[in-house]
C-alpha atoms as a PDB file:
ATOM      1  CA  MET A   1       0.000   0.000   0.000  1.00  0.00           C
ATOM      2  CA  ASN A   2       1.107   3.557  -0.750  1.00  0.00           C
ATOM      3  CA  TYR A   3       0.080   6.672   1.109  1.00  0.00           C
ATOM      4  CA  VAL A   4      -0.111  10.414   0.608  1.00  0.00           C
ATOM      5  CA  TYR A   5      -0.084  12.266   3.901  1.00  0.00           C
ATOM      6  CA  ILE A   6      -0.194  15.735   5.361  1.00  0.00           C
ATOM      7  CA  LEU A   7       1.595  16.631   8.562  1.00  0.00           C
ATOM      8  CA  LYS A   8       0.810  19.699  10.625  1.00  0.00           C
ATOM      9  CA  CYS A   9       3.966  21.230  12.034  1.00  0.00           C
ATOM     10  CA  ASN A  10       4.255  23.007  15.368  1.00  0.00           C
ATOM     11  CA  ASP A  11       4.472  26.369  13.575  1.00  0.00           C
ATOM     12  CA  GLY A  12       1.104  25.719  11.866  1.00  0.00           C
ATOM     13  CA  SER A  13       2.563  24.939   8.457  1.00  0.00           C
ATOM     14  CA  LEU A  14       1.593  21.823   6.501  1.00  0.00           C
ATOM     15  CA  TYR A  15       3.934  19.284   4.921  1.00  0.00           C
ATOM     16  CA  THR A  16       2.783  16.838   2.227  1.00  0.00           C
ATOM     17  CA  GLY A  17       4.582  13.651   1.255  1.00  0.00           C
ATOM     18  CA  TRP A  18       4.093  10.070   0.108  1.00  0.00           C
ATOM     19  CA  THR A  19       5.374   6.765   1.406  1.00  0.00           C
ATOM     20  CA  ASN A  20       4.787   3.031   1.300  1.00  0.00           C
ATOM     21  CA  ASN A  21       5.069   2.747   5.103  1.00  0.00           C
ATOM     22  CA  LEU A  22       3.157   5.495   6.865  1.00  0.00           C
ATOM     23  CA  GLU A  23       4.058   4.536  10.425  1.00  0.00           C
ATOM     24  CA  LYS A  24       7.784   4.299   9.678  1.00  0.00           C
ATOM     25  CA  ARG A  25       7.783   7.553   7.710  1.00  0.00           C
ATOM     26  CA  PHE A  26       5.949   9.468  10.442  1.00  0.00           C
ATOM     27  CA  LYS A  27       8.428   8.167  13.007  1.00  0.00           C
ATOM     28  CA  ALA A  28      11.322   9.336  10.817  1.00  0.00           C
ATOM     29  CA  HIS A  29       9.773  12.802  10.499  1.00  0.00           C
ATOM     30  CA  SER A  30       9.191  12.955  14.256  1.00  0.00           C
ATOM     31  CA  GLU A  31      12.830  12.057  14.902  1.00  0.00           C
ATOM     32  CA  GLY A  32      14.071  14.762  12.520  1.00  0.00           C
ATOM     33  CA  ARG A  33      15.131  12.324   9.795  1.00  0.00           C
ATOM     34  CA  GLY A  34      12.101  12.542   7.464  1.00  0.00           C
ATOM     35  CA  ALA A  35      12.695  15.732   5.502  1.00  0.00           C
ATOM     36  CA  LYS A  36      14.648  18.941   5.865  1.00  0.00           C
ATOM     37  CA  TYR A  37      11.407  20.899   6.043  1.00  0.00           C
ATOM     38  CA  THR A  38      10.001  19.049   9.054  1.00  0.00           C
ATOM     39  CA  LYS A  39      13.280  18.927  10.972  1.00  0.00           C
ATOM     40  CA  GLY A  40      12.982  21.246  13.944  1.00  0.00           C
ATOM     41  CA  ARG A  41       9.281  21.941  13.326  1.00  0.00           C
ATOM     42  CA  GLY A  42       7.956  19.335  15.754  1.00  0.00           C
ATOM     43  CA  PRO A  43       5.989  18.128  17.415  1.00  0.00           C
ATOM     44  CA  LEU A  44       4.276  16.948  14.255  1.00  0.00           C
ATOM     45  CA  GLU A  45       0.724  15.728  13.842  1.00  0.00           C
ATOM     46  CA  LEU A  46      -0.532  13.420  11.097  1.00  0.00           C
ATOM     47  CA  VAL A  47      -3.717  15.206  10.034  1.00  0.00           C
ATOM     48  CA  TYR A  48      -4.543  13.531   6.715  1.00  0.00           C
ATOM     49  CA  TYR A  49      -3.726  10.527   4.581  1.00  0.00           C
ATOM     50  CA  GLU A  50      -5.040   8.655   1.557  1.00  0.00           C
ATOM     51  CA  GLU A  51      -4.256   5.081   0.491  1.00  0.00           C
ATOM     52  CA  PHE A  52      -3.313   3.992  -3.036  1.00  0.00           C
ATOM     53  CA  GLU A  53      -2.550   0.610  -4.535  1.00  0.00           C
ATOM     54  CA  GLU A  54      -0.074   2.050  -7.035  1.00  0.00           C
ATOM     55  CA  LYS A  55       2.967   4.171  -6.173  1.00  0.00           C
ATOM     56  CA  ASN A  56       2.448   6.302  -9.269  1.00  0.00           C
ATOM     57  CA  ASP A  57      -1.089   7.223  -8.177  1.00  0.00           C
ATOM     58  CA  ALA A  58       0.173   8.280  -4.746  1.00  0.00           C
ATOM     59  CA  MET A  59       2.910  10.400  -6.312  1.00  0.00           C
ATOM     60  CA  LYS A  60       0.409  12.099  -8.644  1.00  0.00           C
ATOM     61  CA  ARG A  61      -1.895  12.884  -5.732  1.00  0.00           C
ATOM     62  CA  GLU A  62       1.033  14.241  -3.694  1.00  0.00           C
ATOM     63  CA  TYR A  63       1.899  16.571  -6.566  1.00  0.00           C
ATOM     64  CA  ALA A  64      -1.726  17.739  -6.833  1.00  0.00           C
ATOM     65  CA  ILE A  65      -1.954  18.429  -3.097  1.00  0.00           C
ATOM     66  CA  LYS A  66       1.355  20.308  -3.079  1.00  0.00           C
ATOM     67  CA  LYS A  67      -0.080  22.650  -5.720  1.00  0.00           C
ATOM     68  CA  MET A  68      -3.074  23.468  -3.492  1.00  0.00           C
ATOM     69  CA  THR A  69      -3.293  26.544  -1.319  1.00  0.00           C
ATOM     70  CA  LYS A  70      -3.171  26.110   2.446  1.00  0.00           C
ATOM     71  CA  ALA A  71      -6.914  26.832   2.570  1.00  0.00           C
ATOM     72  CA  GLN A  72      -7.604  24.061   0.052  1.00  0.00           C
ATOM     73  CA  LYS A  73      -5.442  21.649   2.045  1.00  0.00           C
ATOM     74  CA  ASN A  74      -7.309  22.569   5.224  1.00  0.00           C
ATOM     75  CA  ASN A  75     -10.588  21.894   3.410  1.00  0.00           C
ATOM     76  CA  ILE A  76      -9.605  18.349   2.426  1.00  0.00           C
ATOM     77  CA  ILE A  77      -8.410  17.746   5.989  1.00  0.00           C
ATOM     78  CA  LEU A  78     -11.723  18.976   7.394  1.00  0.00           C
ATOM     79  CA  ASP A  79     -13.707  16.953   4.828  1.00  0.00           C
ATOM     80  CA  LYS A  80     -11.904  13.779   5.903  1.00  0.00           C
ATOM     81  CA  ILE A  81     -12.514  14.493   9.601  1.00  0.00           C
ATOM     82  CA  SER A  82     -16.221  15.126   9.080  1.00  0.00           C
ATOM     83  CA  LYS A  83     -16.765  11.785   7.297  1.00  0.00           C
END
């Protein structure tokens, strides 16, 4: 399984990524090893994720989310929570 995820950083910013192991990737981010952007911005919170069978589909969705405004990202987060 492949995942696209959004992390909320301590400073209120959002980070989007993809992985094939969500738990391991979140742990790496939390320990400062996940990405330069998230290093030093903890504590981090996993606020959104989607599952995909194919890696390519997850990567396409990551790209689409990264192009969204912060307001649009917050909307998809809120939509997921309300379901």
